[in-house]
PDB file of N, CA and C in Angstrom:
ATOM      1  N   UNK A   1      12.212   7.561  -5.735  1.00  0.00           N
ATOM      2  CA  UNK A   1      11.583   8.127  -6.906  1.00  0.00           C
ATOM      3  C   UNK A   1      10.619   9.221  -6.444  1.00  0.00           C
ATOM      4  N   UNK A   2      10.739  10.382  -7.017  1.00  0.00           N
ATOM      5  CA  UNK A   2       9.846  11.495  -6.694  1.00  0.00           C
ATOM      6  C   UNK A   2       8.508  11.265  -7.383  1.00  0.00           C
ATOM      7  N   UNK A   3       7.430  11.631  -6.706  1.00  0.00           N
ATOM      8  CA  UNK A   3       6.106  11.490  -7.281  1.00  0.00           C
ATOM      9  C   UNK A   3       5.790  12.724  -8.106  1.00  0.00           C
ATOM     10  N   UNK A   4       5.589  12.521  -9.399  1.00  0.00           N
ATOM     11  CA  UNK A   4       5.300  13.631 -10.299  1.00  0.00           C
ATOM     12  C   UNK A   4       3.848  14.064 -10.151  1.00  0.00           C
ATOM     13  N   UNK A   5       3.624  15.349 -10.221  1.00  0.00           N
ATOM     14  CA  UNK A   5       2.270  15.890 -10.143  1.00  0.00           C
ATOM     15  C   UNK A   5       2.020  16.714 -11.393  1.00  0.00           C
ATOM     16  N   UNK A   6       0.975  16.361 -12.105  1.00  0.00           N
ATOM     17  CA  UNK A   6       0.548  17.090 -13.294  1.00  0.00           C
ATOM     18  C   UNK A   6      -0.763  17.776 -12.916  1.00  0.00           C
ATOM     19  N   UNK A   7      -0.734  19.104 -12.837  1.00  0.00           N
ATOM     20  CA  UNK A   7      -1.913  19.843 -12.384  1.00  0.00           C
ATOM     21  C   UNK A   7      -3.104  19.673 -13.334  1.00  0.00           C
ATOM     22  N   UNK A   8      -2.855  19.323 -14.584  1.00  0.00           N
ATOM     23  CA  UNK A   8      -3.942  19.120 -15.534  1.00  0.00           C
ATOM     24  C   UNK A   8      -4.573  17.734 -15.382  1.00  0.00           C
ATOM     25  N   UNK A   9      -3.942  16.882 -14.625  1.00  0.00           N
ATOM     26  CA  UNK A   9      -4.409  15.510 -14.441  1.00  0.00           C
ATOM     27  C   UNK A   9      -5.578  15.486 -13.442  1.00  0.00           C
ATOM     28  N   UNK A  10      -6.629  14.758 -13.759  1.00  0.00           N
ATOM     29  CA  UNK A  10      -7.762  14.651 -12.839  1.00  0.00           C
ATOM     30  C   UNK A  10      -7.356  13.795 -11.637  1.00  0.00           C
ATOM     31  N   UNK A  11      -8.053  13.937 -10.506  1.00  0.00           N
ATOM     32  CA  UNK A  11      -7.740  13.083  -9.356  1.00  0.00           C
ATOM     33  C   UNK A  11      -7.830  11.593  -9.686  1.00  0.00           C
ATOM     34  N   UNK A  12      -8.817  11.204 -10.473  1.00  0.00           N
ATOM     35  CA  UNK A  12      -8.974   9.797 -10.849  1.00  0.00           C
ATOM     36  C   UNK A  12      -7.782   9.301 -11.663  1.00  0.00           C
ATOM     37  N   UNK A  13      -7.344  10.119 -12.617  1.00  0.00           N
ATOM     38  CA  UNK A  13      -6.184   9.750 -13.444  1.00  0.00           C
ATOM     39  C   UNK A  13      -4.915   9.676 -12.597  1.00  0.00           C
ATOM     40  N   UNK A  14      -4.746  10.611 -11.677  1.00  0.00           N
ATOM     41  CA  UNK A  14      -3.575  10.632 -10.792  1.00  0.00           C
ATOM     42  C   UNK A  14      -3.531   9.365  -9.937  1.00  0.00           C
ATOM     43  N   UNK A  15      -4.689   8.981  -9.378  1.00  0.00           N
ATOM     44  CA  UNK A  15      -4.773   7.773  -8.552  1.00  0.00           C
ATOM     45  C   UNK A  15      -4.365   6.552  -9.382  1.00  0.00           C
ATOM     46  N   UNK A  16      -4.923   6.419 -10.578  1.00  0.00           N
ATOM     47  CA  UNK A  16      -4.609   5.265 -11.425  1.00  0.00           C
ATOM     48  C   UNK A  16      -3.135   5.240 -11.821  1.00  0.00           C
ATOM     49  N   UNK A  17      -2.574   6.400 -12.115  1.00  0.00           N
ATOM     50  CA  UNK A  17      -1.152   6.461 -12.478  1.00  0.00           C
ATOM     51  C   UNK A  17      -0.278   6.044 -11.301  1.00  0.00           C
ATOM     52  N   UNK A  18      -0.594   6.553 -10.114  1.00  0.00           N
ATOM     53  CA  UNK A  18       0.193   6.202  -8.926  1.00  0.00           C
ATOM     54  C   UNK A  18       0.117   4.712  -8.628  1.00  0.00           C
ATOM     55  N   UNK A  19      -1.060   4.110  -8.805  1.00  0.00           N
ATOM     56  CA  UNK A  19      -1.209   2.669  -8.586  1.00  0.00           C
ATOM     57  C   UNK A  19      -0.326   1.896  -9.556  1.00  0.00           C
ATOM     58  N   UNK A  20      -0.291   2.317 -10.808  1.00  0.00           N
ATOM     59  CA  UNK A  20       0.488   1.588 -11.815  1.00  0.00           C
ATOM     60  C   UNK A  20       1.998   1.798 -11.669  1.00  0.00           C
ATOM     61  N   UNK A  21       2.412   2.913 -11.083  1.00  0.00           N
ATOM     62  CA  UNK A  21       3.840   3.234 -10.971  1.00  0.00           C
ATOM     63  C   UNK A  21       4.509   2.701  -9.708  1.00  0.00           C
ATOM     64  N   UNK A  22       3.745   2.249  -8.723  1.00  0.00           N
ATOM     65  CA  UNK A  22       4.310   1.860  -7.434  1.00  0.00           C
ATOM     66  C   UNK A  22       3.938   0.427  -7.086  1.00  0.00           C
ATOM     67  N   UNK A  23       4.927  -0.412  -6.740  1.00  0.00           N
ATOM     68  CA  UNK A  23       4.618  -1.809  -6.440  1.00  0.00           C
ATOM     69  C   UNK A  23       3.732  -1.985  -5.210  1.00  0.00           C
ATOM     70  N   UNK A  24       3.902  -1.143  -4.201  1.00  0.00           N
ATOM     71  CA  UNK A  24       3.067  -1.192  -3.000  1.00  0.00           C
ATOM     72  C   UNK A  24       2.698   0.241  -2.653  1.00  0.00           C
ATOM     73  N   UNK A  25       1.408   0.514  -2.641  1.00  0.00           N
ATOM     74  CA  UNK A  25       0.959   1.874  -2.374  1.00  0.00           C
ATOM     75  C   UNK A  25      -0.260   1.840  -1.453  1.00  0.00           C
ATOM     76  N   UNK A  26      -0.248   2.758  -0.486  1.00  0.00           N
ATOM     77  CA  UNK A  26      -1.361   2.908   0.447  1.00  0.00           C
ATOM     78  C   UNK A  26      -1.947   4.297   0.260  1.00  0.00           C
ATOM     79  N   UNK A  27      -3.255   4.344   0.073  1.00  0.00           N
ATOM     80  CA  UNK A  27      -3.955   5.618   0.088  1.00  0.00           C
ATOM     81  C   UNK A  27      -4.506   5.775   1.494  1.00  0.00           C
ATOM     82  N   UNK A  28      -4.185   6.888   2.108  1.00  0.00           N
ATOM     83  CA  UNK A  28      -4.341   7.038   3.545  1.00  0.00           C
ATOM     84  C   UNK A  28      -4.844   8.424   3.905  1.00  0.00           C
ATOM     85  N   UNK A  29      -5.208   8.563   5.166  1.00  0.00           N
ATOM     86  CA  UNK A  29      -5.451   9.868   5.788  1.00  0.00           C
ATOM     87  C   UNK A  29      -4.574   9.915   7.027  1.00  0.00           C
ATOM     88  N   UNK A  30      -3.996  11.045   7.302  1.00  0.00           N
ATOM     89  CA  UNK A  30      -3.059  11.142   8.424  1.00  0.00           C
ATOM     90  C   UNK A  30      -3.728  10.883   9.767  1.00  0.00           C
ATOM     91  N   UNK A  31      -5.019  11.129   9.874  1.00  0.00           N
ATOM     92  CA  UNK A  31      -5.723  10.964  11.153  1.00  0.00           C
ATOM     93  C   UNK A  31      -6.354   9.579  11.325  1.00  0.00           C
ATOM     94  N   UNK A  32      -6.079   8.659  10.428  1.00  0.00           N
ATOM     95  CA  UNK A  32      -6.728   7.348  10.419  1.00  0.00           C
ATOM     96  C   UNK A  32      -5.881   6.304  11.150  1.00  0.00           C
ATOM     97  N   UNK A  33      -6.414   5.744  12.244  1.00  0.00           N
ATOM     98  CA  UNK A  33      -5.649   4.753  13.012  1.00  0.00           C
ATOM     99  C   UNK A  33      -5.487   3.453  12.240  1.00  0.00           C
ATOM    100  N   UNK A  34      -6.452   3.068  11.408  1.00  0.00           N
ATOM    101  CA  UNK A  34      -6.332   1.856  10.597  1.00  0.00           C
ATOM    102  C   UNK A  34      -5.230   2.028   9.547  1.00  0.00           C
ATOM    103  N   UNK A  35      -5.100   3.242   9.026  1.00  0.00           N
ATOM    104  CA  UNK A  35      -4.037   3.544   8.064  1.00  0.00           C
ATOM    105  C   UNK A  35      -2.672   3.383   8.739  1.00  0.00           C
ATOM    106  N   UNK A  36      -2.558   3.877   9.949  1.00  0.00           N
ATOM    107  CA  UNK A  36      -1.307   3.764  10.700  1.00  0.00           C
ATOM    108  C   UNK A  36      -0.972   2.296  10.956  1.00  0.00           C
ATOM    109  N   UNK A  37      -1.949   1.503  11.333  1.00  0.00           N
ATOM    110  CA  UNK A  37      -1.718   0.074  11.599  1.00  0.00           C
ATOM    111  C   UNK A  37      -1.269  -0.647  10.327  1.00  0.00           C
ATOM    112  N   UNK A  38      -1.847  -0.290   9.173  1.00  0.00           N
ATOM    113  CA  UNK A  38      -1.455  -0.906   7.912  1.00  0.00           C
ATOM    114  C   UNK A  38       0.001  -0.585   7.580  1.00  0.00           C
ATOM    115  N   UNK A  39       0.367   0.685   7.725  1.00  0.00           N
ATOM    116  CA  UNK A  39       1.749   1.090   7.457  1.00  0.00           C
ATOM    117  C   UNK A  39       2.711   0.348   8.380  1.00  0.00           C
ATOM    118  N   UNK A  40       2.364   0.246   9.646  1.00  0.00           N
ATOM    119  CA  UNK A  40       3.215  -0.414  10.640  1.00  0.00           C
ATOM    120  C   UNK A  40       3.412  -1.889  10.299  1.00  0.00           C
ATOM    121  N   UNK A  41       2.355  -2.581   9.897  1.00  0.00           N
ATOM    122  CA  UNK A  41       2.480  -3.991   9.535  1.00  0.00           C
ATOM    123  C   UNK A  41       3.409  -4.170   8.345  1.00  0.00           C
ATOM    124  N   UNK A  42       3.245  -3.335   7.332  1.00  0.00           N
ATOM    125  CA  UNK A  42       4.117  -3.450   6.159  1.00  0.00           C
ATOM    126  C   UNK A  42       5.569  -3.127   6.510  1.00  0.00           C
ATOM    127  N   UNK A  43       5.802  -2.103   7.324  1.00  0.00           N
ATOM    128  CA  UNK A  43       7.163  -1.787   7.759  1.00  0.00           C
ATOM    129  C   UNK A  43       7.757  -2.955   8.535  1.00  0.00           C
ATOM    130  N   UNK A  44       6.956  -3.619   9.353  1.00  0.00           N
ATOM    131  CA  UNK A  44       7.417  -4.741  10.168  1.00  0.00           C
ATOM    132  C   UNK A  44       7.904  -5.907   9.313  1.00  0.00           C
ATOM    133  N   UNK A  45       7.243  -6.159   8.180  1.00  0.00           N
ATOM    134  CA  UNK A  45       7.682  -7.257   7.314  1.00  0.00           C
ATOM    135  C   UNK A  45       8.793  -6.824   6.355  1.00  0.00           C
ATOM    136  N   UNK A  46       9.214  -5.561   6.427  1.00  0.00           N
ATOM    137  CA  UNK A  46      10.350  -5.097   5.632  1.00  0.00           C
ATOM    138  C   UNK A  46      10.005  -4.356   4.364  1.00  0.00           C
ATOM    139  N   UNK A  47       8.756  -3.924   4.234  1.00  0.00           N
ATOM    140  CA  UNK A  47       8.320  -3.197   3.034  1.00  0.00           C
ATOM    141  C   UNK A  47       8.155  -1.723   3.371  1.00  0.00           C
ATOM    142  N   UNK A  48       8.610  -0.890   2.461  1.00  0.00           N
ATOM    143  CA  UNK A  48       8.457   0.557   2.613  1.00  0.00           C
ATOM    144  C   UNK A  48       7.536   1.040   1.495  1.00  0.00           C
ATOM    145  N   UNK A  49       6.228   1.004   1.760  1.00  0.00           N
ATOM    146  CA  UNK A  49       5.267   1.358   0.708  1.00  0.00           C
ATOM    147  C   UNK A  49       5.276   2.849   0.396  1.00  0.00           C
ATOM    148  N   UNK A  50       4.805   3.173  -0.783  1.00  0.00           N
ATOM    149  CA  UNK A  50       4.508   4.562  -1.100  1.00  0.00           C
ATOM    150  C   UNK A  50       3.205   4.881  -0.381  1.00  0.00           C
ATOM    151  N   UNK A  51       3.191   5.962   0.376  1.00  0.00           N
ATOM    152  CA  UNK A  51       1.999   6.354   1.123  1.00  0.00           C
ATOM    153  C   UNK A  51       1.522   7.694   0.592  1.00  0.00           C
ATOM    154  N   UNK A  52       0.281   7.724   0.184  1.00  0.00           N
ATOM    155  CA  UNK A  52      -0.321   8.942  -0.338  1.00  0.00           C
ATOM    156  C   UNK A  52      -1.403   9.396   0.641  1.00  0.00           C
ATOM    157  N   UNK A  53      -1.160  10.548   1.252  1.00  0.00           N
ATOM    158  CA  UNK A  53      -2.153  11.156   2.136  1.00  0.00           C
ATOM    159  C   UNK A  53      -3.113  11.935   1.235  1.00  0.00           C
ATOM    160  N   UNK A  54      -4.375  11.557   1.250  1.00  0.00           N
ATOM    161  CA  UNK A  54      -5.345  12.107   0.309  1.00  0.00           C
ATOM    162  C   UNK A  54      -6.080  13.320   0.841  1.00  0.00           C
ATOM    163  N   UNK A  55      -6.421  14.209  -0.095  1.00  0.00           N
ATOM    164  CA  UNK A  55      -7.336  15.300   0.238  1.00  0.00           C
ATOM    165  C   UNK A  55      -8.749  14.837  -0.148  1.00  0.00           C
ATOM    166  N   UNK A  56      -9.745  15.637   0.107  1.00  0.00           N
ATOM    167  CA  UNK A  56     -11.144  15.217  -0.086  1.00  0.00           C
ATOM    168  C   UNK A  56     -11.457  14.812  -1.530  1.00  0.00           C
ATOM    169  N   UNK A  57     -10.947  15.549  -2.542  1.00  0.00           N
ATOM    170  CA  UNK A  57     -11.203  15.196  -3.939  1.00  0.00           C
ATOM    171  C   UNK A  57     -10.619  13.833  -4.272  1.00  0.00           C
ATOM    172  N   UNK A  58      -9.430  13.589  -3.774  1.00  0.00           N
ATOM    173  CA  UNK A  58      -8.772  12.319  -4.067  1.00  0.00           C
ATOM    174  C   UNK A  58      -9.435  11.168  -3.322  1.00  0.00           C
ATOM    175  N   UNK A  59      -9.938  11.417  -2.111  1.00  0.00           N
ATOM    176  CA  UNK A  59     -10.662  10.374  -1.373  1.00  0.00           C
ATOM    177  C   UNK A  59     -11.878   9.942  -2.179  1.00  0.00           C
ATOM    178  N   UNK A  60     -12.573  10.908  -2.754  1.00  0.00           N
ATOM    179  CA  UNK A  60     -13.727  10.596  -3.599  1.00  0.00           C
ATOM    180  C   UNK A  60     -13.289   9.766  -4.798  1.00  0.00           C
ATOM    181  N   UNK A  61     -12.163  10.100  -5.405  1.00  0.00           N
ATOM    182  CA  UNK A  61     -11.663   9.352  -6.565  1.00  0.00           C
ATOM    183  C   UNK A  61     -11.367   7.906  -6.193  1.00  0.00           C
ATOM    184  N   UNK A  62     -10.765   7.669  -5.027  1.00  0.00           N
ATOM    185  CA  UNK A  62     -10.489   6.301  -4.589  1.00  0.00           C
ATOM    186  C   UNK A  62     -11.797   5.606  -4.224  1.00  0.00           C
ATOM    187  N   UNK A  63     -12.688   6.297  -3.519  1.00  0.00           N
ATOM    188  CA  UNK A  63     -13.941   5.686  -3.074  1.00  0.00           C
ATOM    189  C   UNK A  63     -14.880   5.360  -4.231  1.00  0.00           C
ATOM    190  N   UNK A  64     -14.813   6.112  -5.322  1.00  0.00           N
ATOM    191  CA  UNK A  64     -15.642   5.783  -6.492  1.00  0.00           C
ATOM    192  C   UNK A  64     -15.279   4.417  -7.044  1.00  0.00           C
ATOM    193  N   UNK A  65     -14.050   3.991  -6.783  1.00  0.00           N
ATOM    194  CA  UNK A  65     -13.619   2.661  -7.195  1.00  0.00           C
ATOM    195  C   UNK A  65     -14.033   1.591  -6.197  1.00  0.00           C
ATOM    196  N   UNK A  66     -14.785   1.957  -5.179  1.00  0.00           N
ATOM    197  CA  UNK A  66     -15.259   0.990  -4.198  1.00  0.00           C
ATOM    198  C   UNK A  66     -14.318   0.803  -3.021  1.00  0.00           C
ATOM    199  N   UNK A  67     -13.257   1.587  -2.951  1.00  0.00           N
ATOM    200  CA  UNK A  67     -12.272   1.420  -1.886  1.00  0.00           C
ATOM    201  C   UNK A  67     -12.590   2.331  -0.713  1.00  0.00           C
ATOM    202  N   UNK A  68     -12.375   1.832   0.471  1.00  0.00           N
ATOM    203  CA  UNK A  68     -12.436   2.646   1.682  1.00  0.00           C
ATOM    204  C   UNK A  68     -10.980   2.886   2.113  1.00  0.00           C
ATOM    205  N   UNK A  69     -10.772   3.759   3.053  1.00  0.00           N
ATOM    206  CA  UNK A  69      -9.411   4.020   3.511  1.00  0.00           C
ATOM    207  C   UNK A  69      -9.145   3.271   4.803  1.00  0.00           C
ATOM    208  N   UNK A  70      -7.960   2.725   4.959  1.00  0.00           N
ATOM    209  CA  UNK A  70      -6.861   2.739   4.004  1.00  0.00           C
ATOM    210  C   UNK A  70      -7.157   1.808   2.822  1.00  0.00           C
ATOM    211  N   UNK A  71      -6.592   2.141   1.681  1.00  0.00           N
ATOM    212  CA  UNK A  71      -6.718   1.324   0.477  1.00  0.00           C
ATOM    213  C   UNK A  71      -5.315   0.913   0.050  1.00  0.00           C
ATOM    214  N   UNK A  72      -5.062  -0.390   0.032  1.00  0.00           N
ATOM    215  CA  UNK A  72      -3.748  -0.934  -0.309  1.00  0.00           C
ATOM    216  C   UNK A  72      -3.792  -1.577  -1.686  1.00  0.00           C
ATOM    217  N   UNK A  73      -2.764  -1.278  -2.479  1.00  0.00           N
ATOM    218  CA  UNK A  73      -2.585  -1.898  -3.789  1.00  0.00           C
ATOM    219  C   UNK A  73      -1.208  -2.522  -3.827  1.00  0.00           C
ATOM    220  N   UNK A  74      -1.142  -3.771  -4.235  1.00  0.00           N
ATOM    221  CA  UNK A  74       0.135  -4.468  -4.411  1.00  0.00           C
ATOM    222  C   UNK A  74       0.198  -4.917  -5.861  1.00  0.00           C
ATOM    223  N   UNK A  75       1.237  -4.477  -6.561  1.00  0.00           N
ATOM    224  CA  UNK A  75       1.383  -4.832  -7.966  1.00  0.00           C
ATOM    225  C   UNK A  75       0.233  -4.366  -8.832  1.00  0.00           C
ATOM    226  N   UNK A  76      -0.360  -3.220  -8.492  1.00  0.00           N
ATOM    227  CA  UNK A  76      -1.447  -2.660  -9.281  1.00  0.00           C
ATOM    228  C   UNK A  76      -2.808  -3.260  -8.981  1.00  0.00           C
ATOM    229  N   UNK A  77      -2.855  -4.226  -8.069  1.00  0.00           N
ATOM    230  CA  UNK A  77      -4.108  -4.895  -7.730  1.00  0.00           C
ATOM    231  C   UNK A  77      -4.574  -4.469  -6.346  1.00  0.00           C
ATOM    232  N   UNK A  78      -5.847  -4.180  -6.225  1.00  0.00           N
ATOM    233  CA  UNK A  78      -6.395  -3.781  -4.933  1.00  0.00           C
ATOM    234  C   UNK A  78      -6.391  -4.965  -3.968  1.00  0.00           C
ATOM    235  N   UNK A  79      -5.790  -4.751  -2.814  1.00  0.00           N
ATOM    236  CA  UNK A  79      -5.821  -5.739  -1.739  1.00  0.00           C
ATOM    237  C   UNK A  79      -7.011  -5.434  -0.837  1.00  0.00           C
ATOM    238  N   UNK A  80      -7.329  -4.175  -0.700  1.00  0.00           N
ATOM    239  CA  UNK A  80      -8.421  -3.749   0.164  1.00  0.00           C
ATOM    240  C   UNK A  80      -7.876  -3.006   1.370  1.00  0.00           C
ATOM    241  N   UNK A  81      -8.525  -3.212   2.495  1.00  0.00           N
ATOM    242  CA  UNK A  81      -8.162  -2.502   3.710  1.00  0.00           C
ATOM    243  C   UNK A  81      -7.321  -3.336   4.656  1.00  0.00           C
ATOM    244  N   UNK A  82      -7.269  -2.881   5.889  1.00  0.00           N
ATOM    245  CA  UNK A  82      -6.444  -3.518   6.912  1.00  0.00           C
ATOM    246  C   UNK A  82      -6.851  -4.961   7.165  1.00  0.00           C
ATOM    247  N   UNK A  83      -8.135  -5.233   7.213  1.00  0.00           N
ATOM    248  CA  UNK A  83      -8.590  -6.603   7.475  1.00  0.00           C
ATOM    249  C   UNK A  83      -8.061  -7.582   6.418  1.00  0.00           C
ATOM    250  N   UNK A  84      -8.103  -7.185   5.156  1.00  0.00           N
ATOM    251  CA  UNK A  84      -7.591  -8.043   4.084  1.00  0.00           C
ATOM    252  C   UNK A  84      -6.075  -8.205   4.170  1.00  0.00           C
ATOM    253  N   UNK A  85      -5.379  -7.136   4.529  1.00  0.00           N
ATOM    254  CA  UNK A  85      -3.927  -7.219   4.686  1.00  0.00           C
ATOM    255  C   UNK A  85      -3.566  -8.189   5.804  1.00  0.00           C
ATOM    256  N   UNK A  86      -4.233  -8.085   6.930  1.00  0.00           N
ATOM    257  CA  UNK A  86      -3.960  -8.982   8.061  1.00  0.00           C
ATOM    258  C   UNK A  86      -4.270 -10.435   7.664  1.00  0.00           C
ATOM    259  N   UNK A  87      -5.354 -10.649   6.951  1.00  0.00           N
ATOM    260  CA  UNK A  87      -5.709 -12.002   6.508  1.00  0.00           C
ATOM    261  C   UNK A  87      -4.632 -12.575   5.587  1.00  0.00           C
ATOM    262  N   UNK A  88      -4.130 -11.754   4.660  1.00  0.00           N
ATOM    263  CA  UNK A  88      -3.035 -12.192   3.788  1.00  0.00           C
ATOM    264  C   UNK A  88      -1.798 -12.558   4.602  1.00  0.00           C
ATOM    265  N   UNK A  89      -1.478 -11.726   5.576  1.00  0.00           N
ATOM    266  CA  UNK A  89      -0.303 -11.947   6.418  1.00  0.00           C
ATOM    267  C   UNK A  89      -0.443 -13.237   7.227  1.00  0.00           C
ATOM    268  N   UNK A  90      -1.574 -13.422   7.876  1.00  0.00           N
ATOM    269  CA  UNK A  90      -1.780 -14.602   8.722  1.00  0.00           C
ATOM    270  C   UNK A  90      -1.848 -15.898   7.917  1.00  0.00           C
ATOM    271  N   UNK A  91      -2.317 -15.814   6.680  1.00  0.00           N
ATOM    272  CA  UNK A  91      -2.410 -17.010   5.829  1.00  0.00           C
ATOM    273  C   UNK A  91      -1.076 -17.365   5.174  1.00  0.00           C
ATOM    274  N   UNK A  92      -0.083 -16.465   5.303  1.00  0.00           N
ATOM    275  CA  UNK A  92       1.220 -16.721   4.688  1.00  0.00           C
ATOM    276  C   UNK A  92       1.310 -16.313   3.231  1.00  0.00           C
ATOM    277  N   UNK A  93       0.303 -15.613   2.730  1.00  0.00           N
ATOM    278  CA  UNK A  93       0.302 -15.214   1.321  1.00  0.00           C
ATOM    279  C   UNK A  93       0.860 -13.813   1.078  1.00  0.00           C
ATOM    280  N   UNK A  94       1.077 -13.035   2.133  1.00  0.00           N
ATOM    281  CA  UNK A  94       1.542 -11.660   1.953  1.00  0.00           C
ATOM    282  C   UNK A  94       2.973 -11.606   1.427  1.00  0.00           C
ATOM    283  N   UNK A  95       3.894 -12.285   2.085  1.00  0.00           N
ATOM    284  CA  UNK A  95       5.297 -12.196   1.680  1.00  0.00           C
ATOM    285  C   UNK A  95       5.531 -12.686   0.248  1.00  0.00           C
ATOM    286  N   UNK A  96       4.940 -13.821  -0.177  1.00  0.00           N
ATOM    287  CA  UNK A  96       5.117 -14.212  -1.586  1.00  0.00           C
ATOM    288  C   UNK A  96       4.601 -13.156  -2.563  1.00  0.00           C
ATOM    289  N   UNK A  97       3.471 -12.539  -2.233  1.00  0.00           N
ATOM    290  CA  UNK A  97       2.907 -11.501  -3.105  1.00  0.00           C
ATOM    291  C   UNK A  97       3.846 -10.299  -3.180  1.00  0.00           C
ATOM    292  N   UNK A  98       4.426  -9.918  -2.042  1.00  0.00           N
ATOM    293  CA  UNK A  98       5.364  -8.791  -2.010  1.00  0.00           C
ATOM    294  C   UNK A  98       6.647  -9.115  -2.767  1.00  0.00           C
ATOM    295  N   UNK A  99       7.124 -10.352  -2.647  1.00  0.00           N
ATOM    296  CA  UNK A  99       8.318 -10.775  -3.397  1.00  0.00           C
ATOM    297  C   UNK A  99       8.043 -10.762  -4.888  1.00  0.00           C
ATOM    298  N   UNK A 100       6.853 -11.194  -5.276  1.00  0.00           N
ATOM    299  CA  UNK A 100       6.465 -11.254  -6.680  1.00  0.00           C
ATOM    300  C   UNK A 100       6.546  -9.881  -7.362  1.00  0.00           C
ATOM    301  N   UNK A 101       6.202  -8.815  -6.638  1.00  0.00           N
ATOM    302  CA  UNK A 101       6.231  -7.469  -7.227  1.00  0.00           C
ATOM    303  C   UNK A 101       7.550  -6.742  -6.949  1.00  0.00           C
ATOM    304  N   UNK A 102       8.498  -7.442  -6.309  1.00  0.00           N
ATOM    305  CA  UNK A 102       9.811  -6.857  -6.060  1.00  0.00           C
ATOM    306  C   UNK A 102       9.871  -5.934  -4.860  1.00  0.00           C
ATOM    307  N   UNK A 103       8.867  -5.990  -3.989  1.00  0.00           N
ATOM    308  CA  UNK A 103       8.851  -5.112  -2.816  1.00  0.00           C
ATOM    309  C   UNK A 103       9.538  -5.733  -1.610  1.00  0.00           C
ATOM    310  N   UNK A 104       9.863  -7.018  -1.701  1.00  0.00           N
ATOM    311  CA  UNK A 104      10.494  -7.721  -0.587  1.00  0.00           C
ATOM    312  C   UNK A 104      11.483  -8.707  -1.172  1.00  0.00           C
ATOM    313  N   UNK A 105      12.708  -8.681  -0.675  1.00  0.00           N
ATOM    314  CA  UNK A 105      13.723  -9.604  -1.172  1.00  0.00           C
ATOM    315  C   UNK A 105      13.950 -10.709  -0.158  1.00  0.00           C
ATOM    316  N   UNK A 106      14.671 -11.736  -0.560  1.00  0.00           N
ATOM    317  CA  UNK A 106      14.989 -12.826   0.358  1.00  0.00           C
ATOM    318  C   UNK A 106      15.789 -12.323   1.545  1.00  0.00           C
ATOM    319  N   UNK A 107      16.669 -11.343   1.335  1.00  0.00           N
ATOM    320  CA  UNK A 107      17.460 -10.824   2.442  1.00  0.00           C
ATOM    321  C   UNK A 107      16.575 -10.096   3.449  1.00  0.00           C
ATOM    322  N   UNK A 108      15.497  -9.452   2.993  1.00  0.00           N
ATOM    323  CA  UNK A 108      14.559  -8.812   3.917  1.00  0.00           C
ATOM    324  C   UNK A 108      13.907  -9.851   4.814  1.00  0.00           C
ATOM    325  N   UNK A 109      13.534 -10.993   4.225  1.00  0.00           N
ATOM    326  CA  UNK A 109      12.917 -12.060   5.003  1.00  0.00           C
ATOM    327  C   UNK A 109      13.909 -12.619   6.012  1.00  0.00           C
ATOM    328  N   UNK A 110      15.149 -12.820   5.595  1.00  0.00           N
ATOM    329  CA  UNK A 110      16.160 -13.355   6.521  1.00  0.00           C
ATOM    330  C   UNK A 110      16.395 -12.419   7.689  1.00  0.00           C
ATOM    331  N   UNK A 111      16.429 -11.131   7.426  1.00  0.00           N
ATOM    332  CA  UNK A 111      16.614 -10.160   8.501  1.00  0.00           C
ATOM    333  C   UNK A 111      15.441 -10.223   9.466  1.00  0.00           C
ATOM    334  N   UNK A 112      14.230 -10.338   8.944  1.00  0.00           N
ATOM    335  CA  UNK A 112      13.060 -10.404   9.807  1.00  0.00           C
ATOM    336  C   UNK A 112      13.114 -11.646  10.694  1.00  0.00           C
ATOM    337  N   UNK A 113      13.509 -12.785  10.135  1.00  0.00           N
ATOM    338  CA  UNK A 113      13.571 -14.023  10.901  1.00  0.00           C
ATOM    339  C   UNK A 113      14.631 -13.907  12.000  1.00  0.00           C
ATOM    340  N   UNK A 114      15.766 -13.332  11.667  1.00  0.00           N
ATOM    341  CA  UNK A 114      16.819 -13.146  12.667  1.00  0.00           C
ATOM    342  C   UNK A 114      16.338 -12.254  13.799  1.00  0.00           C
ATOM    343  N   UNK A 115      15.627 -11.178  13.481  1.00  0.00           N
ATOM    344  CA  UNK A 115      15.134 -10.266  14.501  1.00  0.00           C
ATOM    345  C   UNK A 115      14.043 -10.877  15.366  1.00  0.00           C
ATOM    346  N   UNK A 116      13.263 -11.790  14.825  1.00  0.00           N
ATOM    347  CA  UNK A 116      12.185 -12.404  15.589  1.00  0.00           C
ATOM    348  C   UNK A 116      12.745 -13.393  16.609  1.00  0.00           C
ATOM    349  N   UNK A 117      13.742 -14.143  16.217  1.00  0.00           N
ATOM    350  CA  UNK A 117      14.295 -15.177  17.102  1.00  0.00           C
ATOM    351  C   UNK A 117      15.191 -14.542  18.064  1.00  0.00           C
TER     352      UNK A 117
END
């Protein structure tokens, strides 16, 4: 799905629209090592999130909501940063949450298990 851009849309409105339109979305900066680690973890479990590299205006729009970068949203709900993602993963709650929003199927899990063993 192509990401639509409406030039009349404010950065805050664009951020909210993108969160609502994508089951898993990361707001990121290309130079951020924590952002890279978050993307890598999600790719490892079989999820291909929408990744939005933000400019300064958009970073302010995300940060006004209390989020730091990277900022992960699953099913429209803020998960937070890398530490929260890792905690979800280690507790076993990440995959069910991803399945719930349709970002991970049972076949993705089976492939991961086969590759691990």
